[in-house]
Structure formats: structure tokens, C-alpha cells
Amino acid sequence: MSRNRRLILSPPSEVWRLLSSGHRYGEWVSGTQEVLAADPHWPAVGARLRVRVGVGPLTLDDTCVVRICEPERRLELEAKADPFGAARIAMNLIPWGGNTLFLLEWHPLRGPGTRMHGLPVDYLVSIRNGMMLTKLARIAVRERRSDPADAASATTRP
């Protein structure tokens, strides 16, 4: 299992807005080349997101299915990438002052990954997931700064 944490300098509502847009996953999920399809009711339980992942010409199509959704708090996905099996991806958003403490867990559920996980694989996944959280944090902060409503509320605070 791989665990990553990141303090994102945006409130959980802003971070959730990014998570709840399936078509934006390619912006922050490392290795995603293209979002092929997102169910219109994403991220409701059972909703699917189809993505193409890979590096250069080496690609495969992946399907993520929402298993648990608690808006602005928790999102758990099952990522299926045959023939490699499936993995659980759990994202928890914890309010931290006016910011978000983002906890990300990944572990294999089925397939070869269940036999290969351990220190080397978990370490590589942890690096990848850390890069993802860095991208997500940058997008959330950038969009918060560019949101005129947020800027207006910041100037009216005592």
C-alpha cells in the first residue's frame, strides 16, 4: 500500500470541485494521456471514467469506478487496467483551517499487482502519487487565486 499526504492551500470545496469533474482528471493524474469518457453523474457511486494512460506510444485504457462518494470529504475509486488488474484509490479531504489536508491511499486489489506490491512497487507508486498531489495542489491554488468571487471575499474580511 502506498500512502501520500499533502496540505493544499484551498478549502475542501475547491479541491472537491476538481475531483468532481471527471473530464479534468487528465490535468492532475500522472500518466493520464486522455480522458475518453466520463459518466454524466460522476462522481456518484457506480459512475465510470474511461482514460488512456501510458508513456509515449505505450498506452492502455483504464476504467475507474466510483465505489464510495461523500462529497467534499471522501472519494474511493477502483481503477481497472487489464491485464494488470485493479487497485483501490482512496482520497480523503480533511478541513485544515481554511485549507485541505489531502490523504491518498493506493493498493492493489486483483491481478499481478497483488503479488508484486511491497517496498519497490509501493515506493514507485508513492513517487507517482506525490507528483499527482503536487499537480492537484497547484491547480487548486491557481484557480482559487483567479476566482473573482474569492478575491472579493478576501478584500471584505475584517
Protein backbone atom coordinates (compact mmCIF):
# COMPACT_ATOMS: atom_id res chain seq x y z
CA MET A 1 0.00 0.00 0.00
CA SER A 2 1.16 3.49 -0.79
CA ARG A 3 0.10 6.49 1.31
CA ASN A 4 0.63 10.15 0.47
CA ARG A 5 -0.40 13.35 2.24
CA ARG A 6 -0.46 16.94 1.03
CA LEU A 7 -1.64 20.19 2.53
CA ILE A 8 -3.47 22.03 -0.24
CA LEU A 9 -3.86 25.77 0.30
CA SER A 10 -7.50 25.76 -0.79
CA PRO A 11 -10.67 24.77 1.06
CA PRO A 12 -12.12 21.26 0.61
CA SER A 13 -14.96 22.67 -1.53
CA GLU A 14 -12.45 23.92 -4.12
CA VAL A 15 -10.46 20.67 -4.13
CA TRP A 16 -13.70 18.69 -4.42
CA ARG A 17 -14.72 20.79 -7.42
CA LEU A 18 -11.64 19.44 -9.24
CA LEU A 19 -12.27 15.85 -8.16
CA SER A 20 -15.91 16.01 -9.19
CA SER A 21 -15.07 16.94 -12.78
CA GLY A 22 -14.18 13.66 -14.44
CA HIS A 23 -13.03 15.42 -17.61
CA ARG A 24 -10.32 17.24 -15.62
CA TYR A 25 -8.56 14.12 -14.30
CA GLY A 26 -6.04 14.28 -17.10
CA GLU A 27 -4.83 17.63 -15.76
CA TRP A 28 -3.60 16.23 -12.47
CA VAL A 29 -3.49 12.40 -12.60
CA SER A 30 0.05 11.43 -13.60
CA GLY A 31 0.25 9.15 -16.62
CA THR A 32 -3.17 10.10 -18.00
CA GLN A 33 -2.89 10.90 -21.68
CA GLU A 34 -6.58 11.41 -22.39
CA VAL A 35 -9.97 11.22 -20.70
CA LEU A 36 -12.00 9.10 -23.11
CA ALA A 37 -15.38 9.32 -21.36
CA ALA A 38 -16.89 10.40 -18.05
CA ASP A 39 -20.35 9.40 -16.91
CA PRO A 40 -22.56 12.48 -16.58
CA HIS A 41 -23.34 11.61 -12.94
CA TRP A 42 -19.61 11.48 -11.97
CA PRO A 43 -18.64 11.12 -9.09
CA ALA A 44 -21.79 9.34 -7.87
CA VAL A 45 -21.33 5.74 -6.71
CA GLY A 46 -21.15 3.46 -9.75
CA ALA A 47 -20.10 6.24 -12.15
CA ARG A 48 -17.29 5.38 -14.57
CA LEU A 49 -14.40 7.30 -16.01
CA ARG A 50 -12.51 5.88 -19.00
CA VAL A 51 -8.98 7.12 -19.52
CA ARG A 52 -5.97 6.32 -21.68
CA VAL A 53 -2.82 6.02 -19.59
CA GLY A 54 0.79 5.42 -20.52
CA VAL A 55 4.08 6.87 -21.55
CA GLY A 56 4.75 7.79 -25.17
CA PRO A 57 3.36 5.17 -27.54
CA LEU A 58 2.89 2.60 -24.73
CA THR A 59 -0.72 3.05 -23.65
CA LEU A 60 -3.67 1.15 -22.27
CA ASP A 61 -7.23 2.05 -21.48
CA ASP A 62 -8.20 2.20 -17.83
CA THR A 63 -11.62 2.40 -16.22
CA CYS A 64 -12.20 3.98 -12.81
CA VAL A 65 -15.42 3.15 -10.99
CA VAL A 66 -16.61 5.18 -8.01
CA ARG A 67 -17.10 2.87 -5.03
CA ILE A 68 -17.61 5.47 -2.26
CA CYS A 69 -18.55 9.13 -2.58
CA GLU A 70 -19.03 11.52 0.32
CA PRO A 71 -19.00 14.98 -1.30
CA GLU A 72 -16.22 17.28 -0.11
CA ARG A 73 -14.91 14.54 2.23
CA ARG A 74 -14.13 11.20 0.61
CA LEU A 75 -13.87 9.59 -2.82
CA GLU A 76 -12.84 5.98 -3.39
CA LEU A 77 -12.24 4.56 -6.84
CA GLU A 78 -11.49 1.15 -8.24
CA ALA A 79 -9.08 1.56 -11.14
CA LYS A 80 -9.09 -1.35 -13.60
CA ALA A 81 -6.30 -1.65 -16.15
CA ASP A 82 -6.35 -5.07 -17.78
CA PRO A 83 -4.23 -7.16 -17.93
CA PHE A 84 -2.64 -5.59 -14.84
CA GLY A 85 -5.63 -6.00 -12.53
CA ALA A 86 -7.26 -3.42 -10.31
CA ALA A 87 -6.36 -1.07 -7.48
CA ARG A 88 -8.20 0.86 -4.78
CA ILE A 89 -7.60 4.60 -4.75
CA ALA A 90 -8.91 6.32 -1.62
CA MET A 91 -8.93 10.11 -1.35
CA ASN A 92 -9.84 11.85 1.90
CA LEU A 93 -10.21 15.61 2.24
CA ILE A 94 -9.80 16.91 5.79
CA PRO A 95 -10.54 20.57 6.55
CA TRP A 96 -7.36 22.13 7.97
CA GLY A 97 -8.02 25.74 8.89
CA GLY A 98 -9.11 27.26 5.58
CA ASN A 99 -7.13 24.61 3.69
CA THR A 100 -7.36 20.90 2.87
CA LEU A 101 -5.26 18.05 4.18
CA PHE A 102 -5.47 15.56 1.30
CA LEU A 103 -4.80 11.90 2.11
CA LEU A 104 -4.30 9.45 -0.75
CA GLU A 105 -4.04 5.68 -0.39
CA TRP A 106 -3.41 3.19 -3.19
CA HIS A 107 -3.28 -0.57 -3.02
CA PRO A 108 -3.75 -3.43 -5.47
CA LEU A 109 -6.97 -5.45 -5.34
CA ARG A 110 -6.58 -8.02 -8.14
CA GLY A 111 -4.09 -9.18 -10.71
CA PRO A 112 -0.29 -9.28 -10.79
CA GLY A 113 -0.06 -6.15 -8.66
CA THR A 114 -1.21 -8.12 -5.63
CA ARG A 115 1.88 -10.33 -5.92
CA MET A 116 4.29 -7.55 -6.84
CA HIS A 117 3.39 -4.96 -4.22
CA GLY A 118 5.84 -4.27 -1.47
CA LEU A 119 8.67 -1.87 -0.92
CA PRO A 120 9.90 -1.35 -4.54
CA VAL A 121 6.45 -1.07 -6.15
CA ASP A 122 4.92 0.91 -3.29
CA TYR A 123 7.87 3.31 -3.40
CA LEU A 124 7.39 3.96 -7.14
CA VAL A 125 3.63 4.39 -6.71
CA SER A 126 4.26 6.77 -3.82
CA ILE A 127 6.50 8.94 -6.03
CA ARG A 128 3.87 8.99 -8.78
CA ASN A 129 1.09 9.82 -6.32
CA GLY A 130 3.19 12.58 -4.75
CA MET A 131 3.58 14.15 -8.19
CA MET A 132 -0.18 13.91 -8.69
CA LEU A 133 -0.91 15.68 -5.41
CA THR A 134 1.57 18.41 -6.30
CA LYS A 135 -0.25 18.99 -9.61
CA LEU A 136 -3.66 18.94 -7.89
CA ALA A 137 -2.47 21.43 -5.26
CA ARG A 138 -1.07 23.80 -7.90
CA ILE A 139 -4.30 23.76 -9.90
CA ALA A 140 -6.46 24.30 -6.80
CA VAL A 141 -4.33 27.23 -5.60
CA ARG A 142 -4.12 28.78 -9.08
CA GLU A 143 -7.89 28.58 -9.56
CA ARG A 144 -8.56 29.95 -6.09
CA ARG A 145 -6.36 32.97 -6.84
CA SER A 146 -8.04 33.57 -10.18
CA ASP A 147 -11.60 33.27 -8.82
CA PRO A 148 -13.04 36.83 -8.69
CA ALA A 149 -15.59 35.83 -6.01
CA ASP A 150 -12.78 34.58 -3.76
CA ALA A 151 -10.76 37.76 -4.32
CA ALA A 152 -13.80 39.90 -3.45
CA SER A 153 -14.49 37.99 -0.24
CA ALA A 154 -10.82 38.28 0.76
CA THR A 155 -10.97 42.08 0.49
CA THR A 156 -14.13 42.33 2.63
CA ARG A 157 -12.80 40.23 5.50
CA PRO A 158 -12.04 42.17 8.71
